[in-house]
């Protein structure tokens, strides 16, 4: 059994666009004995995007209306909360001049602290590997 963390985009792809995964990522997400986590920060990002109208509203996206209720009831994903140690890692993580996304940076710090591979399609994330990020790139 292995643990993996997914970012917001991978979670949304998991819901709607399963064809957007590499073979490796499909195998990881499809393996029955793998534990798949999503950072509470990634959920905060999805809620923010939904409230800003950048992605579908609650009823179109989740029949229950709540992403948290959906995950707790139906998804093969567990929510991993942010703790103080994750914030300490964030404080130590250098601010890259061309990547200042606060959601992404905390998700990265979360994965580094937990020593858990992060699955992402974000092209900026590989630059954090030298700071301890174990990254699985979903380069579809």
Protein backbone atom coordinates (compact mmCIF):
# COMPACT_ATOMS: atom_id res chain seq x y z
CA UNK A 1 0.00 0.00 0.00
CA UNK A 2 1.33 3.41 -1.01
CA UNK A 3 0.17 6.91 -0.25
CA UNK A 4 -0.20 9.64 -2.87
CA UNK A 5 -1.46 13.22 -2.84
CA UNK A 6 -3.30 14.81 -5.76
CA UNK A 7 -3.68 18.49 -6.50
CA UNK A 8 -6.90 20.29 -7.46
CA UNK A 9 -6.54 19.72 -11.21
CA UNK A 10 -5.93 16.00 -10.82
CA UNK A 11 -9.00 15.74 -8.58
CA UNK A 12 -11.14 17.53 -11.19
CA UNK A 13 -9.69 15.34 -13.96
CA UNK A 14 -10.52 12.31 -11.82
CA UNK A 15 -14.16 13.43 -11.71
CA UNK A 16 -14.67 14.38 -15.36
CA UNK A 17 -11.76 13.70 -17.67
CA UNK A 18 -10.18 10.36 -16.88
CA UNK A 19 -8.58 10.36 -20.33
CA UNK A 20 -6.27 13.16 -19.19
CA UNK A 21 -3.98 10.81 -17.27
CA UNK A 22 -0.70 9.21 -18.21
CA UNK A 23 -0.49 5.43 -18.00
CA UNK A 24 1.48 5.68 -14.73
CA UNK A 25 -1.07 7.98 -13.11
CA UNK A 26 -3.99 5.80 -14.28
CA UNK A 27 -2.34 2.81 -12.65
CA UNK A 28 -1.72 4.67 -9.39
CA UNK A 29 -5.25 6.06 -9.17
CA UNK A 30 -6.80 2.75 -10.23
CA UNK A 31 -4.90 0.52 -7.82
CA UNK A 32 -7.26 -0.67 -5.12
CA UNK A 33 -4.68 -0.69 -2.33
CA UNK A 34 -3.26 2.82 -2.90
CA UNK A 35 -4.36 5.58 -0.53
CA UNK A 36 -5.15 8.79 -2.40
CA UNK A 37 -5.20 12.05 -0.45
CA UNK A 38 -6.14 15.58 -1.33
CA UNK A 39 -4.82 18.47 0.71
CA UNK A 40 -7.47 20.59 2.40
CA UNK A 41 -5.71 23.47 0.62
CA UNK A 42 -6.55 21.92 -2.77
CA UNK A 43 -10.19 21.78 -1.70
CA UNK A 44 -10.00 25.41 -0.67
CA UNK A 45 -8.68 26.18 -4.17
CA UNK A 46 -11.58 24.29 -5.81
CA UNK A 47 -14.13 26.07 -3.60
CA UNK A 48 -12.51 29.41 -4.49
CA UNK A 49 -12.62 28.63 -8.22
CA UNK A 50 -16.24 27.56 -7.94
CA UNK A 51 -17.23 30.69 -6.02
CA UNK A 52 -15.45 32.88 -8.59
CA UNK A 53 -17.38 31.16 -11.38
CA UNK A 54 -14.29 29.62 -13.02
CA UNK A 55 -15.68 26.09 -12.66
CA UNK A 56 -19.23 24.72 -12.42
CA UNK A 57 -21.45 25.54 -9.48
CA UNK A 58 -22.32 23.14 -6.69
CA UNK A 59 -25.31 21.45 -8.32
CA UNK A 60 -23.57 20.93 -11.67
CA UNK A 61 -20.41 19.71 -10.02
CA UNK A 62 -21.60 17.75 -7.01
CA UNK A 63 -25.16 16.48 -6.63
CA UNK A 64 -24.93 16.93 -2.86
CA UNK A 65 -23.92 20.59 -3.36
CA UNK A 66 -20.86 20.26 -1.14
CA UNK A 67 -17.47 19.05 -2.30
CA UNK A 68 -16.64 17.95 1.25
CA UNK A 69 -19.84 15.90 1.52
CA UNK A 70 -19.13 14.38 -1.90
CA UNK A 71 -15.61 13.33 -0.93
CA UNK A 72 -16.71 11.92 2.42
CA UNK A 73 -19.54 9.95 0.81
CA UNK A 74 -18.47 8.91 -2.70
CA UNK A 75 -14.87 9.63 -3.61
CA UNK A 76 -11.90 7.29 -3.26
CA UNK A 77 -9.99 10.24 -1.89
CA UNK A 78 -9.32 11.27 1.70
CA UNK A 79 -8.94 14.84 2.85
CA UNK A 80 -5.61 15.53 4.58
CA UNK A 81 -5.82 18.65 6.78
CA UNK A 82 -3.18 21.35 6.98
CA UNK A 83 -1.23 21.39 10.25
CA UNK A 84 1.38 23.65 11.81
CA UNK A 85 4.29 21.61 10.48
CA UNK A 86 3.04 22.14 6.93
CA UNK A 87 3.00 25.88 7.50
CA UNK A 88 6.57 25.74 8.85
CA UNK A 89 7.67 23.98 5.65
CA UNK A 90 5.87 26.68 3.63
CA UNK A 91 7.82 29.36 5.52
CA UNK A 92 11.09 27.68 4.51
CA UNK A 93 10.09 27.10 0.88
CA UNK A 94 11.72 29.73 -1.34
CA UNK A 95 9.42 32.08 -3.22
CA UNK A 96 10.10 31.55 -6.91
CA UNK A 97 9.83 34.79 -8.87
CA UNK A 98 7.60 33.22 -11.53
CA UNK A 99 5.49 30.99 -9.28
CA UNK A 100 3.73 32.73 -6.42
CA UNK A 101 0.42 30.82 -6.34
CA UNK A 102 -0.42 30.55 -2.61
CA UNK A 103 -2.62 27.46 -3.08
CA UNK A 104 0.08 25.58 -5.00
CA UNK A 105 2.85 26.53 -2.60
CA UNK A 106 0.96 25.23 0.43
CA UNK A 107 -0.01 22.01 -1.38
CA UNK A 108 3.67 21.51 -2.26
CA UNK A 109 4.74 22.20 1.35
CA UNK A 110 2.08 19.75 2.53
CA UNK A 111 3.41 16.96 0.29
CA UNK A 112 7.05 17.69 1.22
CA UNK A 113 6.29 17.59 4.95
CA UNK A 114 4.29 14.37 4.72
CA UNK A 115 6.95 12.79 2.46
CA UNK A 116 4.21 11.71 0.10
CA UNK A 117 4.40 11.80 -3.71
CA UNK A 118 2.32 14.57 -5.26
CA UNK A 119 0.59 13.93 -8.58
CA UNK A 120 0.21 17.08 -10.66
CA UNK A 121 0.03 18.39 -14.21
CA UNK A 122 1.34 21.82 -13.22
CA UNK A 123 4.45 22.73 -15.20
CA UNK A 124 5.86 24.82 -12.33
CA UNK A 125 5.95 21.96 -9.81
CA UNK A 126 9.12 20.18 -11.06
CA UNK A 127 11.16 23.19 -9.91
CA UNK A 128 10.29 22.27 -6.30
CA UNK A 129 11.85 18.80 -6.50
CA UNK A 130 15.20 20.22 -5.41
CA UNK A 131 13.46 21.36 -2.20
CA UNK A 132 12.22 17.86 -1.38
CA UNK A 133 9.07 17.46 -3.46
CA UNK A 134 8.49 13.89 -4.64
CA UNK A 135 6.57 14.64 -7.84
CA UNK A 136 4.76 12.39 -10.28
CA UNK A 137 4.14 14.45 -13.40
CA UNK A 138 0.90 13.85 -15.24
CA UNK A 139 2.15 15.12 -18.59
CA UNK A 140 -0.79 14.03 -20.72
